[in-house]
Structure formats: structure tokens, C-alpha cells
Amino acid sequence: MDPQTPNPLVFLTSASTEFEGEAIASTLRSQGIPAAVFSAAARTMQWEAGYQAGAQIHVRASDRAAAADILREARLEQRMIDWDQVDVGEGEDLGTLPTPGPRVRGLSPWLAKIREIGLVAIILLNVLWAVPSAVIGPVAVSLAVAGVVIWLRSISMKGRGEPARPVSRRR
């Protein structure tokens, strides 16, 4: 092609992930064909998200036929590998994994407390919203205080390793 004539990039193939697209481009580059990968992360138009493949591989128009041949040969070579004969070596010894910290229903303790606080706040706000404004004074305040007292008692008993139990009456 004449150096004065533009040599635009043209679509060659697509890949489901950017990693796969870069592997294809790397194969082409190792054979001397420059390749560009355009992934979903590089797209800026909102309507393109999820519409196209994960990555598109583009080459110069003059290299398209050679690039297609190289990819075809690479895919045939890939299918001919007998993985039973390939020595992949021994796995690394990762040692023992660290034990996870304490959990409360699958959550870290501080996140469980935040969840409890949020639950109490939601219940109290619903009570305050549901009660008519003329009655809201004494009823809402007494319900709010009772809810906070019950919640604080349940929190204070949880960390002791024993279940919360009522205080026994003296005779």
C-alpha cells in the first residue's frame, strides 16, 4: 500500500473478555502484526454497555488477511495440544490460610451492630410515621424509649458468651 494512502484499523474478531482479547492481540503482535484491543472499559457511550462483545480486536486494513490466517493457525494448533502429555508442574504450597475473624450471622461484629441500629431506627421511624400527629407525643416517646432499652439490653448481653436471661426475683 502506498504510504500516502491511509491504512485504517478494521475489525478482525471479538473476544468475550479483555484478557482473551489481549491474548489474541499478543499472538498477532508476536508474528509482527500490530493489533489494538478495544474493551468495554474503554467505551464511553452509555447505550453501548452490554450491547457489544467484551473486547474487539482491530488490525490495519492491509494486515487483515494475514492476521486472519495467523489466528486460524493458532486456533488449530491450540486444538491439537494433548493436555494429558503436558507437564504443568506441581502446585505451590500456599500454607495454611488465615482463619476468618468472629462473625455474627455471616457479618463482622461492627457491621452486625450497624445492621441492628438500622433495624431499630427503621422500626422506630415506621412507628412514628404511622401514629397520627395528635397522639404522637406520649405514645411515640414511650415506644421509642422501650425499643432503645430492649435493644441496648440485647447488645450488652451478646458478648458475654451466655444467652440473655431475665433477672430472677428475690423472695
Protein backbone atom coordinates (compact mmCIF):
# COMPACT_ATOMS: atom_id res chain seq x y z
CA MET A 1 0.00 0.00 0.00
CA ASP A 2 1.20 3.49 -0.76
CA PRO A 3 2.50 5.43 2.32
CA GLN A 4 0.28 8.36 1.33
CA THR A 5 -2.86 6.21 1.47
CA PRO A 6 -4.41 5.93 4.91
CA ASN A 7 -4.37 2.48 6.46
CA PRO A 8 -7.29 2.46 8.90
CA LEU A 9 -7.91 -0.03 11.63
CA VAL A 10 -10.52 -2.64 10.77
CA PHE A 11 -12.40 -5.15 12.91
CA LEU A 12 -10.82 -8.61 12.97
CA THR A 13 -12.58 -10.57 15.71
CA SER A 14 -14.16 -10.24 19.12
CA ALA A 15 -13.48 -11.87 22.46
CA SER A 16 -15.69 -12.39 25.48
CA THR A 17 -13.22 -10.75 27.91
CA GLU A 18 -10.49 -8.16 27.71
CA PHE A 19 -7.98 -10.79 28.86
CA GLU A 20 -8.89 -13.06 25.95
CA GLY A 21 -8.68 -10.09 23.57
CA GLU A 22 -5.20 -9.21 24.81
CA ALA A 23 -4.11 -12.86 24.37
CA ILE A 24 -5.28 -12.78 20.75
CA ALA A 25 -3.55 -9.43 20.17
CA SER A 26 -0.37 -10.79 21.76
CA THR A 27 -0.42 -13.72 19.32
CA LEU A 28 -0.71 -11.31 16.41
CA ARG A 29 1.99 -8.99 17.74
CA SER A 30 4.39 -11.92 18.17
CA GLN A 31 4.02 -12.50 14.41
CA GLY A 32 4.74 -8.85 13.62
CA ILE A 33 1.17 -7.64 13.11
CA PRO A 34 0.20 -4.63 15.23
CA ALA A 35 -3.17 -5.15 16.89
CA ALA A 36 -5.38 -3.00 19.08
CA VAL A 37 -7.89 -4.21 21.67
CA PHE A 38 -10.96 -2.13 22.40
CA SER A 39 -12.76 -3.31 25.52
CA ALA A 40 -15.96 -2.38 27.28
CA ALA A 41 -13.94 -0.36 29.82
CA ALA A 42 -12.83 1.96 27.01
CA ARG A 43 -16.36 2.66 25.80
CA THR A 44 -17.90 5.92 26.90
CA MET A 45 -21.35 5.80 25.39
CA GLN A 46 -23.97 4.59 27.85
CA TRP A 47 -26.03 2.73 25.28
CA GLU A 48 -23.03 0.57 24.28
CA ALA A 49 -22.70 -1.08 27.69
CA GLY A 50 -23.55 -4.75 27.35
CA TYR A 51 -24.52 -4.38 23.72
CA GLN A 52 -21.28 -5.46 22.11
CA ALA A 53 -18.77 -8.21 22.87
CA GLY A 54 -16.37 -7.81 25.78
CA ALA A 55 -13.43 -6.87 23.58
CA GLN A 56 -12.88 -6.19 19.90
CA ILE A 57 -9.55 -6.79 18.16
CA HIS A 58 -8.67 -4.45 15.32
CA VAL A 59 -5.75 -4.57 12.87
CA ARG A 60 -4.62 -2.40 9.97
CA ALA A 61 -6.64 -2.97 6.82
CA SER A 62 -3.52 -4.12 4.96
CA ASP A 63 -2.81 -6.79 7.64
CA ARG A 64 -6.32 -8.18 7.93
CA ALA A 65 -5.88 -11.24 5.69
CA ALA A 66 -2.53 -12.20 7.25
CA ALA A 67 -3.95 -11.69 10.75
CA ALA A 68 -6.93 -13.92 9.97
CA ASP A 69 -4.57 -16.66 8.74
CA ILE A 70 -2.40 -16.38 11.86
CA LEU A 71 -5.45 -16.66 14.12
CA ARG A 72 -6.77 -19.64 12.18
CA GLU A 73 -3.41 -21.44 12.54
CA ALA A 74 -3.16 -20.55 16.25
CA ARG A 75 -6.64 -21.94 16.91
CA LEU A 76 -5.84 -25.18 15.04
CA GLU A 77 -2.59 -25.52 16.98
CA GLN A 78 -4.44 -24.93 20.23
CA ARG A 79 -6.91 -27.74 19.47
CA MET A 80 -4.07 -30.15 18.67
CA ILE A 81 -2.43 -29.85 22.12
CA ASP A 82 -2.70 -33.09 24.08
CA TRP A 83 -3.05 -31.76 27.62
CA ASP A 84 -2.52 -35.25 29.05
CA GLN A 85 1.07 -35.09 27.75
CA VAL A 86 1.80 -31.55 29.02
CA ASP A 87 3.70 -31.27 32.30
CA VAL A 88 2.19 -28.36 34.17
CA GLY A 89 4.36 -28.92 37.24
CA GLU A 90 3.40 -29.15 40.88
CA GLY A 91 1.10 -26.69 42.58
CA GLU A 92 2.50 -24.14 45.00
CA ASP A 93 2.24 -24.80 48.71
CA LEU A 94 0.10 -21.94 49.91
CA GLY A 95 0.41 -22.98 53.54
CA THR A 96 -2.49 -22.58 55.85
CA LEU A 97 -5.00 -19.89 55.14
CA PRO A 98 -5.67 -17.36 57.87
CA THR A 99 -8.78 -18.04 59.90
CA PRO A 100 -11.55 -15.54 59.49
CA GLY A 101 -12.42 -13.28 62.40
CA PRO A 102 -15.53 -13.61 64.51
CA ARG A 103 -18.81 -13.49 62.64
CA VAL A 104 -22.39 -12.72 63.58
CA ARG A 105 -24.73 -14.34 61.04
CA GLY A 106 -22.02 -14.03 58.40
CA LEU A 107 -21.19 -10.38 59.15
CA SER A 108 -18.30 -8.82 61.03
CA PRO A 109 -19.30 -7.70 64.55
CA TRP A 110 -19.25 -3.98 63.79
CA LEU A 111 -21.33 -4.49 60.64
CA ALA A 112 -23.81 -6.59 62.61
CA LYS A 113 -24.16 -3.76 65.15
CA ILE A 114 -24.73 -1.23 62.37
CA ARG A 115 -27.38 -3.55 60.96
CA GLU A 116 -29.09 -3.77 64.35
CA ILE A 117 -29.01 0.01 64.78
CA GLY A 118 -30.51 0.44 61.34
CA LEU A 119 -33.25 -2.07 62.08
CA VAL A 120 -34.19 -0.29 65.30
CA ALA A 121 -34.17 3.07 63.50
CA ILE A 122 -36.42 1.74 60.74
CA ILE A 123 -38.90 0.28 63.25
CA LEU A 124 -38.99 3.49 65.28
CA LEU A 125 -39.43 5.67 62.21
CA ASN A 126 -42.27 3.46 60.98
CA VAL A 127 -43.98 3.71 64.35
CA LEU A 128 -43.58 7.48 64.38
CA TRP A 129 -44.87 7.76 60.82
CA ALA A 130 -47.88 5.50 61.39
CA VAL A 131 -49.15 7.23 64.54
CA PRO A 132 -51.28 10.36 63.93
CA SER A 133 -49.62 13.59 64.98
CA ALA A 134 -52.16 14.31 67.76
CA VAL A 135 -51.26 11.07 69.56
CA ILE A 136 -47.59 11.03 68.62
CA GLY A 137 -46.33 12.68 71.81
CA PRO A 138 -46.55 10.23 74.73
CA VAL A 139 -47.14 7.04 72.73
CA ALA A 140 -44.24 7.52 70.33
CA VAL A 141 -41.82 8.60 73.04
CA SER A 142 -42.69 5.63 75.26
CA LEU A 143 -42.35 3.21 72.31
CA ALA A 144 -39.04 4.75 71.29
CA VAL A 145 -37.64 4.55 74.82
CA ALA A 146 -38.84 0.96 75.23
CA GLY A 147 -37.31 -0.04 71.91
CA VAL A 148 -33.96 1.54 72.72
CA VAL A 149 -33.88 -0.06 76.20
CA ILE A 150 -34.66 -3.51 74.79
CA TRP A 151 -32.09 -3.09 72.06
CA LEU A 152 -29.36 -1.90 74.47
CA ARG A 153 -30.05 -4.83 76.79
CA SER A 154 -29.77 -7.31 73.92
CA ILE A 155 -26.47 -5.78 72.79
CA SER A 156 -24.97 -5.77 76.29
CA MET A 157 -25.74 -9.47 76.82
CA LYS A 158 -24.44 -10.76 73.48
CA GLY A 159 -20.70 -10.51 74.12
CA ARG A 160 -20.69 -12.50 77.38
CA GLY A 161 -20.97 -15.95 75.84
CA GLU A 162 -24.24 -16.64 77.65
CA PRO A 163 -27.78 -16.18 76.48
CA ALA A 164 -29.75 -13.21 77.75
CA ARG A 165 -31.96 -14.32 80.63
CA PRO A 166 -34.40 -12.48 82.80
CA VAL A 167 -33.31 -11.28 86.21
CA SER A 168 -34.58 -13.62 88.91
CA ARG A 169 -36.86 -12.19 91.55
CA ARG A 170 -35.80 -12.34 95.18
CA ARG A 171 -38.24 -13.82 97.64
